Amino acid sequence: MEPTMTPPRSGGPETGPKTDRSASLRVKLLAVLERAASTSAGRAVGWALYQLGYWGEYTGLCAVRWTRETAADLRRVLGRVGRIVGGYIAGAAKGMADEFTAPFRRFAHGMRNIRAHVKEQAQQFGKARAAKEGFAYLWRGTRMYFPLVRRSMAYVVPLVALAVFVYTVRTVMDYQYVLAVEVDGSVVGYVESEAVFDAARSDLQARIATSTSGREWTVTPAYSLSVRSGPVMDETHMTDAILQASGSEIQEATALYVDGAIVAVTTEGDKLEAALEEIKAPYEQPDNENIRVEFVKDVELVDGIYFTDSIVDYSEIDALIHGEEQADVYYTVVKGDTPSGIAKKNDITLNELVALNPDILDSLFVGDQVLVTQSRDYLPVQVVEHKVYTEEIPFQTVTTESGDYSWGTMKVVQEGSNGLKQIESDFYYIDGVLQQEVVLNETVLQEAVNKEVIKGTRRPDGSIGQLGSGIFSWPVPSSYRLSRGFGGSHYGLDILSYYGAPIYAADSGVVTTAGSGQEHWSYGICVRINHGNGYQTMYAHMSGTAVSRGQSVEKGQLIGYMGSSGRSTGTHLHFEVYVNGVRVNPYNYVG
């Protein structure tokens, strides 16, 4: 009996065209499967798929069961081993603890028994007999349980030794090993190293040099290693200690050091310090935290022990620090003097001489006074300004030669762009003039992108020519004399030499003109070279050429001979340089 399909109720969840299409597809799929199963091949494939699914599922279940059982067995074994090991360790620990504490437990138990026995004996027979019985009881207990004490010592002694070792190591590590400095057999102090004493000795000699007594003082120090927990001396305090031990006439004072050398000693150190600050005061800018004012020289005040006869009157020191280190120095001009000669005589550069005498190049007469050295304050002041600013990083041009492009072609494959960096610097000014910039740090904010250019090297005949470097050599090595330079209506250099003198290529390139009749008639026999990078050179008025048109030449290669062809009044080479088709002064391009 064929089953009948009851259509879904109107408005139910399975109504509509979509449901009808799904049902139709299922019916068609079942029909296809029934037809496939009715064939022998279809039944074989179905049976194979059934076996594969069945055994795959069975194997997976067996693997899961085996894994679980193995894990459970492993946990049981490990638990059993853990209990055995734990029990052994716990038993051993308990035995050691019992053995270690046994004497103390027995001692406490014995003392309780003694106290009870003594109390009982005192009540029955009096205190004297009670004391006697107590000591006897204690002696019997000590003899009975002494072996227990011996066994306890096997644990106590190693622990005590370990504690002593730890304490000793920590104590020794805290020790400070220093050098005890002895002068004339007496310890004057302690320093970290011999270098500190050597520095103190140098300082001592400097202090002695300021003494007016002319004394000579030598010392042969003896060193011994010493353990000291207190502070050690630096070179200044060591110098003070040595002076105090010398027994000379000494007193506390303040020394003025300039660039590491002691220049004066005074007892009015506070006054001297205030005077130094007054020198810097006019340059101070309290509202600008990026400005600091300091002496150009290293100026330091050092309090210490000094010889009494080295102390000078404060007025002398005041005059020194406010005075000039050097006055203006003038040179008197004599016959034959030139600005460069005057600079050389006085060991300065011409630029320095011009800076001191701005009109010297325009006006210089015999008897003139020329300033060659400007006065300098003894303690010049410099203003240091701290700045943070940005600066562009110029991009580089990377040029690649390629035979895929014709000679002279310049193709930009990537435009360049400047980068940006942040610079942190200190600017040093003296009398408002910048002396130097010290760069403290640079941070690249944006990298520069190189400009990439391809230069063509393929010549019309298909061969590859060599590009020029852009730096030209002198074309006539036999002579550097000129009859006429560049300027006015003359667009080259006229180089003098003998007839037939060899002429060489100023740079590598390709010959575009060789001979006569190819350029203006006035050039006569000439050679033009295209260097392939925007540069060309012209060699005119030759007597003959050694190259031909289209030939590739290298820098320094012979190209012709000097003559006087064309519009020329004598033997010479007319040499021209072109940059992008414009004639320029060759002097600016010849290396």
Protein backbone atom coordinates (compact mmCIF):
# COMPACT_ATOMS: atom_id res chain seq x y z
CA MET A 1 0.00 0.00 0.00
CA GLU A 2 1.54 3.24 -1.09
CA PRO A 3 1.80 5.88 1.63
CA THR A 4 -0.06 9.01 1.02
CA MET A 5 1.30 12.45 1.69
CA THR A 6 -0.91 14.83 3.57
CA PRO A 7 -0.38 18.37 2.39
CA PRO A 8 0.66 20.75 5.15
CA ARG A 9 -1.91 22.98 6.66
CA SER A 10 -2.20 26.45 5.30
CA GLY A 11 -0.18 28.96 7.26
CA GLY A 12 1.96 26.26 9.04
CA PRO A 13 5.70 26.38 9.36
CA GLU A 14 6.25 24.06 6.40
CA THR A 15 4.09 25.76 3.83
CA GLY A 16 5.22 27.78 0.91
CA PRO A 17 7.28 27.34 -2.24
CA LYS A 18 10.58 26.83 -0.36
CA THR A 19 9.25 23.79 1.52
CA ASP A 20 7.82 22.31 -1.67
CA ARG A 21 11.20 22.63 -3.40
CA SER A 22 12.98 20.90 -0.43
CA ALA A 23 10.54 17.99 -0.46
CA SER A 24 10.94 17.59 -4.20
CA LEU A 25 14.72 17.50 -3.86
CA ARG A 26 14.55 14.82 -1.15
CA VAL A 27 12.31 12.66 -3.29
CA LYS A 28 14.66 12.95 -6.24
CA LEU A 29 17.71 12.16 -4.02
CA LEU A 30 16.05 9.02 -2.60
CA ALA A 31 15.24 7.88 -6.09
CA VAL A 32 18.87 8.28 -7.16
CA LEU A 33 20.11 6.34 -4.09
CA GLU A 34 17.62 3.51 -4.72
CA ARG A 35 18.75 3.18 -8.33
CA ALA A 36 22.45 3.15 -7.24
CA ALA A 37 21.78 0.50 -4.60
CA SER A 38 20.00 -1.72 -7.13
CA THR A 39 23.27 -2.24 -9.05
CA SER A 40 26.09 -4.57 -7.96
CA ALA A 41 28.69 -1.78 -8.07
CA GLY A 42 26.52 0.44 -5.93
CA ARG A 43 26.03 -2.30 -3.35
CA ALA A 44 29.82 -2.91 -3.21
CA VAL A 45 30.57 0.75 -2.67
CA GLY A 46 27.88 1.02 0.01
CA TRP A 47 29.23 -2.04 1.82
CA ALA A 48 32.80 -0.66 1.73
CA LEU A 49 31.68 2.69 3.14
CA TYR A 50 29.70 0.93 5.85
CA GLN A 51 32.72 -1.19 6.88
CA LEU A 52 35.01 1.85 6.87
CA GLY A 53 32.68 3.83 9.12
CA TYR A 54 32.02 0.90 11.47
CA TRP A 55 35.67 -0.08 12.02
CA GLY A 56 36.79 3.54 12.21
CA GLU A 57 34.30 4.23 15.00
CA TYR A 58 35.15 0.95 16.77
CA THR A 59 38.92 1.63 16.63
CA GLY A 60 38.43 5.14 18.00
CA LEU A 61 36.35 3.90 20.95
CA CYS A 62 38.95 1.23 21.77
CA ALA A 63 41.77 3.85 21.70
CA VAL A 64 39.86 6.14 24.08
CA ARG A 65 39.12 3.26 26.50
CA TRP A 66 42.79 2.12 26.47
CA THR A 67 44.02 5.66 27.14
CA ARG A 68 41.67 6.07 30.10
CA GLU A 69 42.60 2.69 31.60
CA THR A 70 46.34 3.34 31.16
CA ALA A 71 46.05 6.75 32.83
CA ALA A 72 44.13 5.24 35.74
CA ASP A 73 46.75 2.49 36.18
CA LEU A 74 49.54 5.05 36.07
CA ARG A 75 47.84 7.18 38.72
CA ARG A 76 47.44 4.14 40.97
CA VAL A 77 51.10 3.14 40.58
CA LEU A 78 52.39 6.65 41.17
CA GLY A 79 50.10 7.04 44.18
CA ARG A 80 51.38 3.79 45.68
CA VAL A 81 55.02 4.78 45.07
CA GLY A 82 54.37 8.23 46.52
CA ARG A 83 52.82 6.77 49.65
CA ILE A 84 55.74 4.40 50.13
CA VAL A 85 58.38 7.10 49.59
CA GLY A 86 56.42 9.63 51.66
CA GLY A 87 56.01 7.14 54.46
CA TYR A 88 59.72 6.35 54.42
CA ILE A 89 60.68 10.05 54.47
CA ALA A 90 58.13 10.81 57.19
CA GLY A 91 59.35 7.85 59.25
CA ALA A 92 62.98 8.85 58.84
CA ALA A 93 62.20 12.45 59.75
CA LYS A 94 60.19 11.35 62.79
CA GLY A 95 63.01 9.04 63.89
CA MET A 96 65.59 11.80 63.53
CA ALA A 97 63.37 14.24 65.38
CA ASP A 98 62.73 11.70 68.19
CA GLU A 99 66.41 10.92 68.45
CA PHE A 100 67.34 14.59 68.46
CA THR A 101 64.74 15.60 71.06
CA ALA A 102 65.02 12.48 73.24
CA PRO A 103 67.66 13.91 75.60
CA PHE A 104 65.64 17.07 76.06
CA ARG A 105 62.39 15.17 76.67
CA ARG A 106 64.13 12.82 79.09
CA PHE A 107 65.78 15.79 80.77
CA ALA A 108 62.46 17.54 81.22
CA HIS A 109 60.85 14.33 82.53
CA GLY A 110 63.78 13.77 84.91
CA MET A 111 63.61 17.33 86.24
CA ARG A 112 59.93 16.88 87.01
CA ASN A 113 60.74 13.66 88.89
CA ILE A 114 63.61 15.36 90.78
CA ARG A 115 61.34 18.22 91.80
CA ALA A 116 58.71 15.81 93.07
CA HIS A 117 61.32 13.62 94.85
CA VAL A 118 63.00 16.64 96.47
CA LYS A 119 59.64 17.98 97.64
CA GLU A 120 58.75 14.60 99.15
CA GLN A 121 62.14 14.24 100.89
CA ALA A 122 61.93 17.79 102.26
CA GLN A 123 58.56 17.08 103.82
CA GLN A 124 59.78 13.84 105.44
CA PHE A 125 63.43 14.44 106.31
CA GLY A 126 64.16 18.16 105.87
CA LYS A 127 65.79 20.35 103.21
CA ALA A 128 69.37 19.13 103.70
CA ARG A 129 68.53 15.52 102.94
CA ALA A 130 66.21 16.62 100.16
CA ALA A 131 69.06 18.50 98.42
CA LYS A 132 71.39 15.50 98.80
CA GLU A 133 68.80 13.14 97.35
CA GLY A 134 68.11 15.58 94.49
CA PHE A 135 71.78 15.72 93.41
CA ALA A 136 72.09 11.94 93.68
CA TYR A 137 68.97 11.49 91.53
CA LEU A 138 70.35 13.94 88.93
CA TRP A 139 73.69 12.11 88.77
CA ARG A 140 72.04 8.72 88.22
CA GLY A 141 69.88 10.17 85.43
CA THR A 142 72.88 11.78 83.71
CA ARG A 143 74.84 8.50 83.73
CA MET A 144 71.80 6.55 82.51
CA TYR A 145 70.89 8.85 79.57
CA PHE A 146 74.33 10.20 78.50
CA PRO A 147 74.38 8.00 75.32
CA LEU A 148 71.29 9.87 74.19
CA VAL A 149 73.18 13.14 74.49
CA ARG A 150 76.00 11.69 72.40
CA ARG A 151 73.58 10.73 69.61
CA SER A 152 71.99 14.20 69.67
CA MET A 153 75.38 15.77 69.21
CA ALA A 154 75.64 14.04 65.82
CA TYR A 155 72.89 16.41 64.68
CA VAL A 156 73.65 19.44 66.79
CA VAL A 157 77.34 19.78 65.86
CA PRO A 158 76.80 19.97 62.03
CA LEU A 159 74.02 22.53 62.51
CA VAL A 160 76.20 24.66 64.76
CA ALA A 161 79.11 24.38 62.28
CA LEU A 162 76.85 25.47 59.42
CA ALA A 163 75.64 28.47 61.42
CA VAL A 164 79.23 29.47 62.25
CA PHE A 165 80.23 29.12 58.57
CA VAL A 166 77.35 31.33 57.34
CA TYR A 167 78.12 33.95 59.98
CA THR A 168 81.83 33.95 59.07
CA VAL A 169 81.19 34.32 55.33
CA ARG A 170 78.77 37.19 55.84
CA THR A 171 81.15 38.95 58.19
CA VAL A 172 84.15 38.58 55.86
CA MET A 173 82.10 39.79 52.87
CA ASP A 174 81.32 42.97 54.79
CA TYR A 175 84.99 43.67 55.41
CA GLN A 176 86.50 46.54 53.40
CA TYR A 177 90.09 45.93 52.35
CA VAL A 178 91.94 49.24 51.97
CA LEU A 179 95.48 50.58 51.93
CA ALA A 180 96.83 52.12 55.09
CA VAL A 181 99.10 54.99 54.06
CA GLU A 182 102.12 55.61 56.25
CA VAL A 183 104.35 58.68 56.15
CA ASP A 184 107.48 58.64 58.30
CA GLY A 185 106.23 55.52 60.04
CA SER A 186 102.85 56.94 61.03
CA VAL A 187 99.50 56.01 59.51
CA VAL A 188 97.94 59.19 58.17
CA GLY A 189 94.81 57.68 56.65
CA TYR A 190 93.25 55.02 54.51
CA VAL A 191 92.61 55.06 50.75
CA GLU A 192 91.01 52.68 48.30
CA SER A 193 94.04 52.36 46.05
CA GLU A 194 97.56 53.59 45.38
CA ALA A 195 96.17 55.78 42.58
CA VAL A 196 94.30 57.88 45.15
CA PHE A 197 97.52 58.48 47.08
CA ASP A 198 99.39 59.38 43.88
CA ALA A 199 96.71 61.98 43.11
CA ALA A 200 97.03 63.31 46.66
CA ARG A 201 100.80 63.54 46.27
CA SER A 202 100.40 65.57 43.06
CA ASP A 203 97.97 67.89 44.84
CA LEU A 204 100.43 68.21 47.73
CA GLN A 205 103.24 69.25 45.37
CA ALA A 206 100.93 71.87 43.85
CA ARG A 207 100.21 73.27 47.32
CA ILE A 208 103.92 73.32 48.14
CA ALA A 209 104.56 75.25 44.91
CA THR A 210 102.39 78.09 46.23
CA SER A 211 104.52 78.39 49.36
CA THR A 212 106.89 81.34 49.52
CA SER A 213 109.38 79.57 51.81
CA GLY A 214 110.95 77.60 48.95
CA ARG A 215 110.72 74.35 50.95
CA GLU A 216 111.32 71.01 49.30
CA TRP A 217 109.20 68.09 50.39
CA THR A 218 109.50 64.48 49.35
CA VAL A 219 107.65 61.46 50.59
CA THR A 220 108.16 57.74 50.17
CA PRO A 221 104.86 56.16 51.06
CA ALA A 222 104.54 52.70 52.52
CA TYR A 223 101.39 50.70 51.95
CA SER A 224 99.91 47.87 53.94
CA LEU A 225 96.71 45.98 53.41
CA SER A 226 94.23 46.73 56.13
CA VAL A 227 90.69 45.78 57.04
CA ARG A 228 88.55 48.79 57.80
CA SER A 229 84.84 49.20 58.15
CA GLY A 230 84.83 53.01 58.28
CA PRO A 231 85.02 55.52 55.39
CA VAL A 232 88.17 56.03 53.35
CA MET A 233 89.73 59.30 52.18
CA ASP A 234 89.74 60.87 48.76
CA GLU A 235 92.82 62.63 47.41
CA THR A 236 91.89 66.04 48.86
CA HIS A 237 91.39 64.76 52.40
CA MET A 238 94.50 62.61 52.10
CA THR A 239 96.52 65.71 51.17
CA ASP A 240 95.13 67.48 54.22
CA ALA A 241 96.08 64.53 56.42
CA ILE A 242 99.63 64.43 55.10
CA LEU A 243 100.07 68.15 55.67
CA GLN A 244 98.72 67.86 59.20
CA ALA A 245 101.19 65.05 59.87
CA SER A 246 104.11 67.07 58.48
CA GLY A 247 104.24 69.37 61.52
CA SER A 248 104.65 72.43 59.27
CA GLU A 249 102.90 75.77 59.70
CA ILE A 250 99.51 75.04 58.17
CA GLN A 251 95.95 76.26 58.42
CA GLU A 252 92.56 75.82 56.81
CA ALA A 253 92.01 77.91 53.68
CA THR A 254 90.45 77.86 50.20
CA ALA A 255 92.45 77.30 47.03
CA LEU A 256 91.48 78.57 43.57
CA TYR A 257 92.14 75.95 40.89
CA VAL A 258 92.02 76.95 37.20
CA ASP A 259 92.20 74.15 34.62
CA GLY A 260 93.42 71.79 37.33
CA ALA A 261 96.30 74.01 38.52
CA ILE A 262 96.29 75.83 41.83
CA VAL A 263 96.74 79.57 41.27
CA ALA A 264 96.01 81.16 44.66
CA VAL A 265 95.10 80.39 48.29
CA THR A 266 92.96 82.58 50.53
CA THR A 267 91.26 82.47 53.88
CA GLU A 268 88.27 84.35 52.42
CA GLY A 269 86.76 81.51 50.44
CA ASP A 270 83.15 82.73 50.74
CA LYS A 271 84.13 86.16 49.44
CA LEU A 272 86.00 84.61 46.51
CA GLU A 273 83.05 82.41 45.64
CA ALA A 274 80.72 85.44 45.65
CA ALA A 275 83.14 87.35 43.38
CA LEU A 276 83.18 84.50 40.86
CA GLU A 277 79.39 84.46 40.77
CA GLU A 278 79.37 88.25 40.21
CA ILE A 279 81.53 87.78 37.09
CA LYS A 280 78.90 85.45 35.62
CA ALA A 281 75.88 87.44 36.83
CA PRO A 282 75.54 89.81 33.79
CA TYR A 283 75.11 86.80 31.51
CA GLU A 284 72.53 84.97 33.62
CA GLN A 285 68.97 84.57 32.35
CA PRO A 286 66.98 83.24 35.32
CA ASP A 287 63.75 83.01 33.34
CA ASN A 288 65.27 80.79 30.65
CA GLU A 289 65.84 77.27 31.92
CA ASN A 290 67.67 76.36 28.70
CA ILE A 291 70.50 78.80 29.43
CA ARG A 292 73.44 78.10 31.68
CA VAL A 293 76.42 80.33 32.31
CA GLU A 294 79.87 78.99 33.06
CA PHE A 295 83.52 79.85 32.78
CA VAL A 296 85.37 78.73 29.67
CA LYS A 297 88.11 77.40 31.91
CA ASP A 298 87.57 74.78 34.59
CA VAL A 299 87.32 76.84 37.78
CA GLU A 300 87.13 75.11 41.17
CA LEU A 301 87.36 76.21 44.81
CA VAL A 302 88.78 73.56 47.17
CA ASP A 303 88.67 73.92 50.95
CA GLY A 304 91.53 72.19 52.75
CA ILE A 305 94.79 72.43 54.68
CA TYR A 306 97.45 74.68 53.14
CA PHE A 307 100.81 76.14 54.15
CA THR A 308 100.40 79.41 55.98
CA ASP A 309 102.97 81.19 53.85
CA SER A 310 101.10 80.23 50.62
CA ILE A 311 98.08 82.35 51.58
CA VAL A 312 97.94 85.66 49.68
CA ASP A 313 96.00 88.83 50.26
CA TYR A 314 92.49 88.68 48.84
CA SER A 315 93.01 91.87 46.82
CA GLU A 316 95.62 90.09 44.69
CA ILE A 317 93.19 87.29 43.87
CA ASP A 318 90.43 89.80 43.09
CA ALA A 319 92.70 91.62 40.67
CA LEU A 320 93.66 88.31 39.06
CA ILE A 321 90.14 87.05 38.39
CA HIS A 322 88.95 90.44 37.08
CA GLY A 323 92.06 91.08 34.98
CA GLU A 324 93.15 90.17 31.48
CA GLU A 325 95.10 87.07 30.59
CA GLN A 326 96.57 88.81 27.59
CA ALA A 327 96.41 92.37 26.26
CA ASP A 328 95.95 93.37 22.61
CA VAL A 329 99.01 92.60 20.49
CA TYR A 330 99.78 94.76 17.42
CA TYR A 331 102.11 94.25 14.48
CA THR A 332 103.74 97.18 12.65
CA VAL A 333 103.58 96.87 8.86
CA VAL A 334 106.93 97.05 7.06
CA LYS A 335 107.78 97.34 3.39
CA GLY A 336 106.86 94.22 1.41
CA ASP A 337 104.25 92.98 3.90
CA THR A 338 101.05 91.42 2.60
CA PRO A 339 98.00 90.32 4.59
CA SER A 340 98.83 86.63 4.10
CA GLY A 341 102.48 87.28 5.03
CA ILE A 342 101.50 89.12 8.22
CA ALA A 343 99.18 86.24 9.17
CA LYS A 344 101.95 83.70 8.62
CA LYS A 345 104.45 85.74 10.67
CA ASN A 346 102.09 85.83 13.63
CA ASP A 347 100.98 82.19 13.39
CA ILE A 348 97.32 82.92 12.61
CA THR A 349 95.16 82.29 9.55
CA LEU A 350 94.30 84.96 7.01
CA ASN A 351 90.62 84.67 7.96
CA GLU A 352 91.50 85.32 11.60
CA LEU A 353 93.57 88.35 10.61
CA VAL A 354 90.72 89.74 8.51
CA ALA A 355 88.27 89.17 11.37
CA LEU A 356 90.50 91.29 13.64
CA ASN A 357 91.15 93.91 10.91
CA PRO A 358 88.16 94.03 8.49
CA ASP A 359 89.75 96.68 6.18
CA ILE A 360 93.18 95.07 5.82
CA LEU A 361 92.51 93.65 2.33
CA ASP A 362 91.54 97.10 1.01
CA SER A 363 94.04 99.26 2.82
CA LEU A 364 97.53 98.33 4.06
CA PHE A 365 100.41 100.82 4.37
CA VAL A 366 103.87 100.77 5.88
CA GLY A 367 103.72 101.80 9.54
CA ASP A 368 100.10 100.66 10.08
CA GLN A 369 99.35 98.96 13.39
CA VAL A 370 97.66 95.61 12.68
CA LEU A 371 95.90 93.79 15.51
CA VAL A 372 97.17 90.21 15.53
CA THR A 373 96.03 89.05 18.97
CA GLN A 374 92.99 90.32 20.81
CA SER A 375 92.94 90.75 24.58
CA ARG A 376 91.35 87.98 26.61
CA ASP A 377 89.90 88.05 30.10
CA TYR A 378 91.62 85.82 32.62
CA LEU A 379 88.28 84.11 33.28
CA PRO A 380 86.21 84.41 30.09
CA VAL A 381 82.54 83.53 30.43
CA GLN A 382 80.54 81.46 28.00
CA VAL A 383 76.78 81.15 27.66
CA VAL A 384 75.55 77.67 26.83
CA GLU A 385 72.11 77.44 25.25
CA HIS A 386 70.38 74.08 25.10
CA LYS A 387 68.22 73.69 22.01
CA VAL A 388 66.04 70.98 20.51
CA TYR A 389 65.22 71.56 16.85
CA THR A 390 64.39 69.66 13.68
CA GLU A 391 66.44 69.51 10.51
CA GLU A 392 65.84 67.96 7.13
CA ILE A 393 67.86 64.94 6.08
CA PRO A 394 68.73 65.48 2.39
CA PHE A 395 67.96 62.56 0.16
CA GLN A 396 70.68 60.89 -1.87
CA THR A 397 70.58 60.29 -5.61
CA VAL A 398 71.37 56.72 -6.60
CA THR A 399 72.31 56.42 -10.27
CA THR A 400 72.28 53.13 -12.12
CA GLU A 401 73.73 52.67 -15.59
CA SER A 402 71.67 50.62 -18.00
CA GLY A 403 72.27 49.45 -21.55
CA ASP A 404 68.51 49.20 -22.06
CA TYR A 405 68.35 52.97 -22.62
CA SER A 406 70.07 55.07 -25.28
CA TRP A 407 73.16 57.10 -24.50
CA GLY A 408 72.52 60.21 -22.39
CA THR A 409 68.98 59.21 -21.34
CA MET A 410 68.19 60.09 -17.75
CA LYS A 411 65.09 58.36 -16.37
CA VAL A 412 63.87 58.98 -12.83
CA VAL A 413 62.29 55.78 -11.52
CA GLN A 414 61.71 57.10 -8.00
CA GLU A 415 61.56 60.68 -6.80
CA GLY A 416 63.56 61.46 -3.68
CA SER A 417 62.18 63.06 -0.55
CA ASN A 418 63.99 64.57 2.40
CA GLY A 419 63.77 62.97 5.81
CA LEU A 420 63.48 64.71 9.16
CA LYS A 421 65.53 64.40 12.32
CA GLN A 422 65.37 65.93 15.77
CA ILE A 423 68.62 67.32 17.13
CA GLU A 424 69.44 68.10 20.75
CA SER A 425 72.48 70.38 21.02
CA ASP A 426 74.36 72.77 23.25
CA PHE A 427 75.42 76.07 21.61
CA TYR A 428 78.42 77.82 23.15
CA TYR A 429 78.63 81.63 22.87
CA ILE A 430 81.42 83.99 23.97
CA ASP A 431 80.59 87.70 23.81
CA GLY A 432 77.52 86.80 21.76
CA VAL A 433 79.54 85.01 19.07
CA LEU A 434 78.81 81.33 18.48
CA GLN A 435 81.95 79.29 19.12
CA GLN A 436 80.71 75.76 18.63
CA GLU A 437 77.72 73.46 18.63
CA VAL A 438 77.95 70.19 20.52
CA VAL A 439 75.35 67.68 19.35
CA LEU A 440 74.12 65.63 22.29
CA ASN A 441 71.56 63.43 20.58
CA GLU A 442 69.96 62.87 17.19
CA THR A 443 66.66 61.09 16.59
CA VAL A 444 65.45 60.27 13.09
CA LEU A 445 61.76 61.16 12.83
CA GLN A 446 61.39 60.27 9.18
CA GLU A 447 63.86 58.46 6.94
CA ALA A 448 64.90 60.09 3.67
CA VAL A 449 63.86 58.36 0.46
CA ASN A 450 66.61 58.10 -2.16
CA LYS A 451 66.09 59.41 -5.65
CA GLU A 452 66.69 56.59 -8.11
CA VAL A 453 67.87 57.46 -11.61
CA ILE A 454 68.73 55.27 -14.58
CA LYS A 455 71.33 56.53 -17.06
CA GLY A 456 71.33 55.11 -20.54
CA THR A 457 74.62 53.79 -21.92
CA ARG A 458 73.52 52.24 -25.27
CA ARG A 459 75.12 54.02 -28.20
CA PRO A 460 73.53 54.30 -31.66
CA ASP A 461 75.65 51.40 -32.94
CA GLY A 462 74.31 49.18 -30.16
CA SER A 463 77.51 49.06 -28.10
CA ILE A 464 77.68 50.12 -24.43
CA GLY A 465 79.62 53.29 -23.59
CA GLN A 466 81.15 54.30 -20.27
CA LEU A 467 79.55 57.26 -18.49
CA GLY A 468 81.63 60.07 -17.06
CA SER A 469 82.17 60.61 -13.35
CA GLY A 470 81.33 64.35 -13.44
CA ILE A 471 84.80 65.24 -12.09
CA PHE A 472 87.09 66.47 -14.86
CA SER A 473 90.85 66.20 -15.10
CA TRP A 474 93.13 68.83 -16.67
CA PRO A 475 93.24 68.06 -20.41
CA VAL A 476 96.84 69.23 -21.02
CA PRO A 477 99.14 67.82 -18.28
CA SER A 478 102.21 69.37 -19.96
CA SER A 479 101.09 72.92 -19.10
CA TYR A 480 98.85 74.81 -16.72
CA ARG A 481 99.50 78.25 -18.24
CA LEU A 482 96.56 80.24 -19.57
CA SER A 483 96.48 83.02 -22.13
CA ARG A 484 92.86 83.79 -21.41
CA GLY A 485 90.30 82.66 -18.88
CA PHE A 486 86.52 82.34 -18.79
CA GLY A 487 84.46 85.52 -18.81
CA GLY A 488 82.90 88.22 -20.91
CA SER A 489 82.40 86.90 -24.42
CA HIS A 490 84.97 84.14 -23.88
CA TYR A 491 83.33 80.87 -22.82
CA GLY A 492 86.32 78.64 -22.16
CA LEU A 493 89.93 78.42 -21.08
CA ASP A 494 92.83 79.01 -23.52
CA ILE A 495 95.61 76.67 -22.37
CA LEU A 496 99.13 77.34 -23.67
CA SER A 497 101.68 74.65 -24.61
CA TYR A 498 103.87 73.59 -27.48
CA TYR A 499 102.60 72.63 -30.94
CA GLY A 500 101.58 68.95 -31.03
CA ALA A 501 101.27 68.64 -27.22
CA PRO A 502 99.00 65.67 -26.39
CA ILE A 503 95.43 66.43 -25.28
CA TYR A 504 93.53 63.97 -23.12
CA ALA A 505 89.82 63.37 -22.40
CA ALA A 506 88.80 65.20 -19.22
CA ASP A 507 86.28 62.43 -18.44
CA SER A 508 84.84 59.23 -19.89
CA GLY A 509 82.17 59.45 -22.59
CA VAL A 510 81.36 59.13 -26.28
CA VAL A 511 82.90 61.27 -29.03
CA THR A 512 80.15 63.17 -30.87
CA THR A 513 82.43 65.42 -32.94
CA ALA A 514 85.93 64.66 -34.28
CA GLY A 515 87.69 66.70 -36.99
CA SER A 516 86.67 69.87 -38.78
CA GLY A 517 83.49 71.03 -40.45
CA GLN A 518 81.20 69.46 -37.84
CA GLU A 519 81.12 72.45 -35.45
CA HIS A 520 81.37 76.20 -36.01
CA TRP A 521 84.27 77.00 -38.37
CA SER A 522 86.02 79.05 -35.72
CA TYR A 523 86.73 75.92 -33.63
CA GLY A 524 88.86 74.48 -36.44
CA ILE A 525 89.81 70.84 -35.81
CA CYS A 526 88.02 69.89 -32.63
CA VAL A 527 86.63 67.06 -30.49
CA ARG A 528 83.37 67.15 -28.54
CA ILE A 529 82.69 64.46 -25.91
CA ASN A 530 79.27 63.67 -24.45
CA HIS A 531 79.78 62.33 -20.92
CA GLY A 532 76.21 61.07 -20.70
CA ASN A 533 75.29 62.79 -17.44
CA GLY A 534 74.37 66.26 -18.67
CA TYR A 535 78.04 67.21 -19.20
CA GLN A 536 79.92 67.79 -22.44
CA THR A 537 83.44 69.00 -23.12
CA MET A 538 84.85 70.73 -26.21
CA TYR A 539 88.53 70.70 -27.32
CA ALA A 540 89.20 73.20 -30.13
CA HIS A 541 92.03 74.51 -32.41
CA MET A 542 93.72 71.07 -32.59
CA SER A 543 96.35 70.13 -35.12
CA GLY A 544 94.94 66.61 -35.37
CA THR A 545 92.64 64.09 -33.63
CA ALA A 546 93.35 60.64 -32.23
CA VAL A 547 89.68 59.51 -32.00
CA SER A 548 86.71 59.27 -34.30
CA ARG A 549 83.05 60.13 -34.03
CA GLY A 550 80.98 57.57 -32.10
CA GLN A 551 84.04 56.17 -30.33
CA SER A 552 83.84 55.50 -26.58
CA VAL A 553 86.74 57.01 -24.65
CA GLU A 554 87.92 56.74 -21.06
CA LYS A 555 89.06 59.51 -18.75
CA GLY A 556 92.69 60.41 -19.51
CA GLN A 557 92.67 58.79 -22.98
CA LEU A 558 94.57 60.58 -25.79
CA ILE A 559 92.10 62.36 -28.09
CA GLY A 560 94.25 64.78 -30.13
CA TYR A 561 97.15 67.23 -30.42
CA MET A 562 97.48 70.94 -29.77
CA GLY A 563 97.56 73.27 -32.74
CA SER A 564 96.20 76.57 -34.05
CA SER A 565 93.40 75.64 -36.48
CA GLY A 566 90.25 77.71 -36.95
CA ARG A 567 90.13 81.28 -35.66
CA SER A 568 93.32 81.24 -33.63
CA THR A 569 96.26 83.59 -33.23
CA GLY A 570 98.68 81.01 -31.80
CA THR A 571 99.17 77.50 -30.53
CA HIS A 572 96.75 76.73 -27.71
CA LEU A 573 93.78 74.57 -26.68
CA HIS A 574 90.40 76.21 -26.29
CA PHE A 575 88.68 74.07 -23.61
CA GLU A 576 84.93 74.35 -22.85
CA VAL A 577 82.59 72.61 -20.38
CA TYR A 578 78.82 72.37 -20.98
CA VAL A 579 76.28 71.57 -18.27
CA ASN A 580 72.86 70.73 -19.69
CA GLY A 581 73.78 72.62 -22.86
CA VAL A 582 75.05 75.76 -21.08
CA ARG A 583 78.73 76.72 -21.17
CA VAL A 584 80.18 77.16 -17.67
CA ASN A 585 83.57 78.09 -16.18
CA PRO A 586 85.74 74.95 -16.50
CA TYR A 587 87.75 75.97 -13.43
CA ASN A 588 84.73 75.13 -11.26
CA TYR A 589 84.60 71.55 -12.54
CA VAL A 590 88.22 70.52 -13.00
CA GLY A 591 89.47 68.48 -10.02
